[in-house]
Structures are given as structure tokens and as C-alpha cells.
């Protein structure tokens, strides 16, 4: 007996992106196959930012805002790499 699987065209191309925004600049911080995973990652990133909020303000670092949005694999920059929650600690800013 076989198992039927419903496959829709285009599903493999759609991902969920966690987008970091500072002012008018934004950058894809991470991508996931499911929206639930992206929401979990956004919550973790928000928690990291809140934990270091006072330090960010004193160091005059911009405080990123994170959101979740669908994205196609083809919309990612060719040399895209994930962004740490507090990316400036590694010299990576938005």
C-alpha cells in the first residue's frame, strides 16, 4: 500500500526569513523552512536584544528590530550568511 503525498509547485522555493531592521536598513538574519522555526528564532533574538538593551544604549549601538517574512531562495544574496543576534560583537552590522 502506498502513501499519497500532496506536492505543490513552488513549495521548495519558499522559506521564512527573520529580518533585522535598524532605521531604514534591513538584512536577512536567518532563514528557515517553517514559519514556527522563524518565530522561535525571532523570539530568541528579541530576548538577546532585551538582555543587552542597557549596554546597547550606553555603547551607542543601534538596537535592531526583528520580524518574520516569507522569502524565496532566489531573493537571498549570493554570498548571504546568517547574522548573529548581536552582530556588532563580530563586526557585522546591518
N, C-alpha and C. Protein backbone atom coordinates (compact mmCIF):
# COMPACT_ATOMS: atom_id res chain seq x y z
N UNK A 1 0.84 -1.17 0.00
CA UNK A 1 0.00 0.00 0.00
C UNK A 1 0.89 1.23 0.00
N UNK A 2 0.62 2.20 -0.86
CA UNK A 2 1.43 3.40 -0.98
C UNK A 2 0.87 4.55 -0.15
N UNK A 3 1.70 5.54 0.04
CA UNK A 3 1.30 6.74 0.78
C UNK A 3 1.22 7.88 -0.22
N UNK A 4 0.12 8.57 -0.20
CA UNK A 4 -0.06 9.71 -1.09
C UNK A 4 0.46 10.97 -0.42
N UNK A 5 1.25 11.75 -1.16
CA UNK A 5 1.80 12.99 -0.64
C UNK A 5 1.40 14.10 -1.60
N UNK A 6 0.83 15.14 -1.06
CA UNK A 6 0.43 16.28 -1.87
C UNK A 6 1.63 17.22 -2.04
N UNK A 7 2.09 17.38 -3.26
CA UNK A 7 3.23 18.26 -3.55
C UNK A 7 2.75 19.39 -4.44
N UNK A 8 2.95 20.60 -3.97
CA UNK A 8 2.56 21.77 -4.76
C UNK A 8 3.81 22.42 -5.33
N UNK A 9 3.71 22.88 -6.54
CA UNK A 9 4.85 23.55 -7.18
C UNK A 9 5.19 24.82 -6.43
N UNK A 10 6.49 25.06 -6.22
CA UNK A 10 6.94 26.30 -5.60
C UNK A 10 7.18 26.20 -4.11
N UNK A 11 6.72 25.12 -3.46
CA UNK A 11 6.89 25.00 -2.02
C UNK A 11 8.36 24.93 -1.63
N UNK A 12 9.19 24.30 -2.43
CA UNK A 12 10.61 24.18 -2.10
C UNK A 12 11.33 25.52 -2.16
N UNK A 13 10.77 26.47 -2.88
CA UNK A 13 11.42 27.76 -3.07
C UNK A 13 11.07 28.77 -1.98
N UNK A 14 10.00 28.53 -1.22
CA UNK A 14 9.56 29.49 -0.21
C UNK A 14 10.15 29.14 1.14
N UNK A 15 10.80 30.12 1.73
CA UNK A 15 11.39 30.00 3.05
C UNK A 15 10.82 31.10 3.94
N UNK A 16 11.10 31.03 5.22
CA UNK A 16 10.70 32.08 6.16
C UNK A 16 11.96 32.76 6.67
N UNK A 17 12.01 34.06 6.53
CA UNK A 17 13.19 34.83 6.91
C UNK A 17 12.94 35.62 8.19
N UNK A 18 13.94 35.65 9.04
CA UNK A 18 13.96 36.55 10.19
C UNK A 18 14.75 37.76 9.71
N UNK A 19 14.11 38.91 9.68
CA UNK A 19 14.69 40.11 9.12
C UNK A 19 15.06 41.09 10.24
N UNK A 20 16.31 41.53 10.25
CA UNK A 20 16.78 42.52 11.22
C UNK A 20 16.69 43.90 10.58
N UNK A 21 16.09 44.84 11.31
CA UNK A 21 15.94 46.20 10.79
C UNK A 21 16.47 47.21 11.79
N UNK A 22 17.27 48.14 11.29
CA UNK A 22 17.76 49.27 12.07
C UNK A 22 17.53 50.50 11.20
N UNK A 23 16.64 51.38 11.67
CA UNK A 23 16.31 52.56 10.87
C UNK A 23 15.66 52.12 9.55
N UNK A 24 16.23 52.55 8.44
CA UNK A 24 15.70 52.18 7.13
C UNK A 24 16.43 50.99 6.51
N UNK A 25 17.46 50.52 7.18
CA UNK A 25 18.24 49.40 6.65
C UNK A 25 17.73 48.08 7.22
N UNK A 26 17.67 47.08 6.39
CA UNK A 26 17.27 45.76 6.85
C UNK A 26 18.12 44.70 6.18
N UNK A 27 18.22 43.57 6.86
CA UNK A 27 19.04 42.46 6.37
C UNK A 27 18.43 41.16 6.86
N UNK A 28 18.48 40.14 6.01
CA UNK A 28 18.00 38.83 6.41
C UNK A 28 18.99 38.26 7.41
N UNK A 29 18.51 38.00 8.62
CA UNK A 29 19.37 37.49 9.68
C UNK A 29 19.48 35.97 9.63
N UNK A 30 18.38 35.30 9.29
CA UNK A 30 18.38 33.83 9.25
C UNK A 30 17.19 33.38 8.42
N UNK A 31 17.26 32.20 7.87
CA UNK A 31 16.15 31.64 7.09
C UNK A 31 15.81 30.24 7.62
N UNK A 32 14.52 29.90 7.51
CA UNK A 32 14.02 28.62 7.99
C UNK A 32 13.00 28.08 7.01
N UNK A 33 12.78 26.79 7.07
CA UNK A 33 11.77 26.15 6.21
C UNK A 33 10.36 26.36 6.75
N UNK A 34 10.21 26.52 8.06
CA UNK A 34 8.87 26.70 8.62
C UNK A 34 8.74 28.05 9.32
N UNK A 35 7.52 28.54 9.33
CA UNK A 35 7.24 29.82 10.00
C UNK A 35 7.43 29.69 11.50
N UNK A 36 7.07 28.53 12.06
CA UNK A 36 7.22 28.31 13.50
C UNK A 36 8.68 28.42 13.93
N UNK A 37 9.58 27.85 13.15
CA UNK A 37 11.01 27.94 13.47
C UNK A 37 11.48 29.39 13.40
N UNK A 38 11.00 30.13 12.39
CA UNK A 38 11.38 31.53 12.25
C UNK A 38 10.86 32.36 13.42
N UNK A 39 9.64 32.09 13.87
CA UNK A 39 9.08 32.82 15.01
C UNK A 39 9.86 32.52 16.29
N UNK A 40 10.27 31.26 16.46
CA UNK A 40 11.09 30.90 17.62
C UNK A 40 12.43 31.64 17.60
N UNK A 41 13.05 31.71 16.42
CA UNK A 41 14.33 32.40 16.30
C UNK A 41 14.17 33.90 16.56
N UNK A 42 13.09 34.48 16.04
CA UNK A 42 12.84 35.90 16.28
C UNK A 42 12.66 36.17 17.76
N UNK A 43 11.95 35.29 18.46
CA UNK A 43 11.75 35.46 19.90
C UNK A 43 13.09 35.38 20.63
N UNK A 44 13.94 34.45 20.24
CA UNK A 44 15.26 34.33 20.86
C UNK A 44 16.09 35.58 20.61
N UNK A 45 16.07 36.09 19.38
CA UNK A 45 16.82 37.31 19.06
C UNK A 45 16.29 38.51 19.85
N UNK A 46 14.97 38.63 19.96
CA UNK A 46 14.38 39.71 20.76
C UNK A 46 14.82 39.60 22.22
N UNK A 47 14.87 38.37 22.75
CA UNK A 47 15.31 38.16 24.12
C UNK A 47 16.77 38.59 24.29
N UNK A 48 17.62 38.28 23.33
CA UNK A 48 19.02 38.67 23.40
C UNK A 48 19.17 40.19 23.39
N UNK A 49 18.41 40.84 22.54
CA UNK A 49 18.46 42.30 22.46
C UNK A 49 17.97 42.92 23.77
N UNK A 50 16.89 42.38 24.33
CA UNK A 50 16.37 42.92 25.60
C UNK A 50 17.37 42.72 26.73
N UNK A 51 18.06 41.59 26.73
CA UNK A 51 19.04 41.31 27.78
C UNK A 51 20.20 42.31 27.75
N UNK A 52 20.54 42.79 26.56
CA UNK A 52 21.67 43.71 26.41
C UNK A 52 21.22 45.14 26.09
N UNK A 53 19.95 45.45 26.27
CA UNK A 53 19.41 46.76 25.88
C UNK A 53 20.15 47.92 26.54
N UNK A 54 20.37 47.85 27.84
CA UNK A 54 21.07 48.94 28.53
C UNK A 54 22.48 49.12 27.97
N UNK A 55 23.16 48.02 27.77
CA UNK A 55 24.52 48.08 27.24
C UNK A 55 24.53 48.65 25.83
N UNK A 56 23.56 48.26 25.01
CA UNK A 56 23.47 48.77 23.64
C UNK A 56 23.32 50.29 23.64
N UNK A 57 22.47 50.80 24.51
CA UNK A 57 22.25 52.25 24.59
C UNK A 57 23.51 52.97 25.05
N UNK A 58 24.17 52.45 26.09
CA UNK A 58 25.39 53.08 26.59
C UNK A 58 26.53 53.04 25.57
N UNK A 59 26.59 51.97 24.79
CA UNK A 59 27.64 51.83 23.77
C UNK A 59 27.26 52.54 22.47
N UNK A 60 26.09 53.18 22.47
CA UNK A 60 25.59 53.90 21.31
C UNK A 60 25.51 53.00 20.07
N UNK A 61 25.10 51.76 20.31
CA UNK A 61 24.88 50.80 19.24
C UNK A 61 23.41 50.84 18.86
N UNK A 62 23.10 50.69 17.58
CA UNK A 62 21.69 50.67 17.19
C UNK A 62 21.02 49.40 17.69
N UNK A 63 19.78 49.54 18.10
CA UNK A 63 19.01 48.40 18.60
C UNK A 63 18.19 47.84 17.45
N UNK A 64 18.47 46.60 17.02
CA UNK A 64 17.73 46.03 15.89
C UNK A 64 16.33 45.60 16.27
N UNK A 65 15.45 45.65 15.31
CA UNK A 65 14.08 45.14 15.43
C UNK A 65 14.00 43.93 14.52
N UNK A 66 13.42 42.83 15.00
CA UNK A 66 13.34 41.61 14.21
C UNK A 66 11.90 41.32 13.82
N UNK A 67 11.72 40.87 12.58
CA UNK A 67 10.41 40.49 12.08
C UNK A 67 10.56 39.22 11.25
N UNK A 68 9.43 38.61 10.91
CA UNK A 68 9.42 37.39 10.11
C UNK A 68 8.64 37.64 8.84
N UNK A 69 9.19 37.19 7.70
CA UNK A 69 8.54 37.38 6.41
C UNK A 69 8.88 36.22 5.48
N UNK A 70 7.96 35.87 4.58
CA UNK A 70 8.29 34.83 3.61
C UNK A 70 9.31 35.37 2.61
N UNK A 71 10.16 34.50 2.12
CA UNK A 71 11.18 34.90 1.16
C UNK A 71 11.44 33.72 0.22
N UNK A 72 11.76 34.03 -1.01
CA UNK A 72 12.14 32.98 -1.96
C UNK A 72 13.64 32.79 -1.90
N UNK A 73 14.07 31.58 -2.11
CA UNK A 73 15.50 31.28 -2.11
C UNK A 73 16.24 32.17 -3.11
N UNK A 74 15.62 32.45 -4.23
CA UNK A 74 16.27 33.27 -5.27
C UNK A 74 16.43 34.73 -4.84
N UNK A 75 15.71 35.17 -3.80
CA UNK A 75 15.82 36.56 -3.32
C UNK A 75 16.98 36.76 -2.35
N UNK A 76 17.58 35.68 -1.87
CA UNK A 76 18.73 35.81 -0.97
C UNK A 76 19.95 36.23 -1.77
N UNK A 77 20.77 37.13 -1.22
CA UNK A 77 22.01 37.50 -1.90
C UNK A 77 22.90 36.26 -2.07
N UNK A 78 23.68 36.24 -3.11
CA UNK A 78 24.51 35.08 -3.43
C UNK A 78 25.43 34.68 -2.29
N UNK A 79 26.06 35.62 -1.63
CA UNK A 79 27.01 35.31 -0.56
C UNK A 79 26.43 35.60 0.81
N UNK A 80 25.12 35.38 0.96
CA UNK A 80 24.45 35.63 2.23
C UNK A 80 24.95 34.67 3.31
N UNK A 81 25.15 35.20 4.50
CA UNK A 81 25.48 34.38 5.68
C UNK A 81 24.59 34.84 6.84
N UNK A 82 24.26 33.94 7.76
CA UNK A 82 23.41 34.32 8.90
C UNK A 82 24.05 35.43 9.74
N UNK A 83 23.20 36.24 10.36
CA UNK A 83 23.64 37.35 11.20
C UNK A 83 23.41 36.99 12.67
N UNK A 84 24.44 37.10 13.52
CA UNK A 84 24.22 36.84 14.95
C UNK A 84 23.23 37.85 15.52
N UNK A 85 22.55 37.48 16.60
CA UNK A 85 21.56 38.37 17.22
C UNK A 85 22.16 39.72 17.56
N UNK A 86 23.38 39.72 18.10
CA UNK A 86 24.09 40.95 18.41
C UNK A 86 25.30 41.01 17.48
N UNK A 87 25.02 41.18 16.20
CA UNK A 87 26.03 41.06 15.17
C UNK A 87 27.22 41.99 15.29
N UNK A 88 27.04 43.15 15.91
CA UNK A 88 28.15 44.10 16.01
C UNK A 88 29.29 43.54 16.87
N UNK A 89 29.00 42.52 17.69
CA UNK A 89 30.06 41.95 18.51
C UNK A 89 31.11 41.25 17.65
N UNK A 90 30.71 40.88 16.43
CA UNK A 90 31.64 40.26 15.49
C UNK A 90 31.95 41.20 14.34
N UNK A 91 31.61 42.44 14.50
CA UNK A 91 31.89 43.42 13.45
C UNK A 91 30.90 43.38 12.30
N UNK A 92 29.78 42.70 12.49
CA UNK A 92 28.77 42.61 11.46
C UNK A 92 27.59 43.48 11.84
N UNK A 93 27.38 44.51 11.09
CA UNK A 93 26.22 45.36 11.35
C UNK A 93 25.24 45.20 10.21
N UNK A 94 24.07 45.67 10.43
CA UNK A 94 23.02 45.55 9.41
C UNK A 94 23.32 46.42 8.23
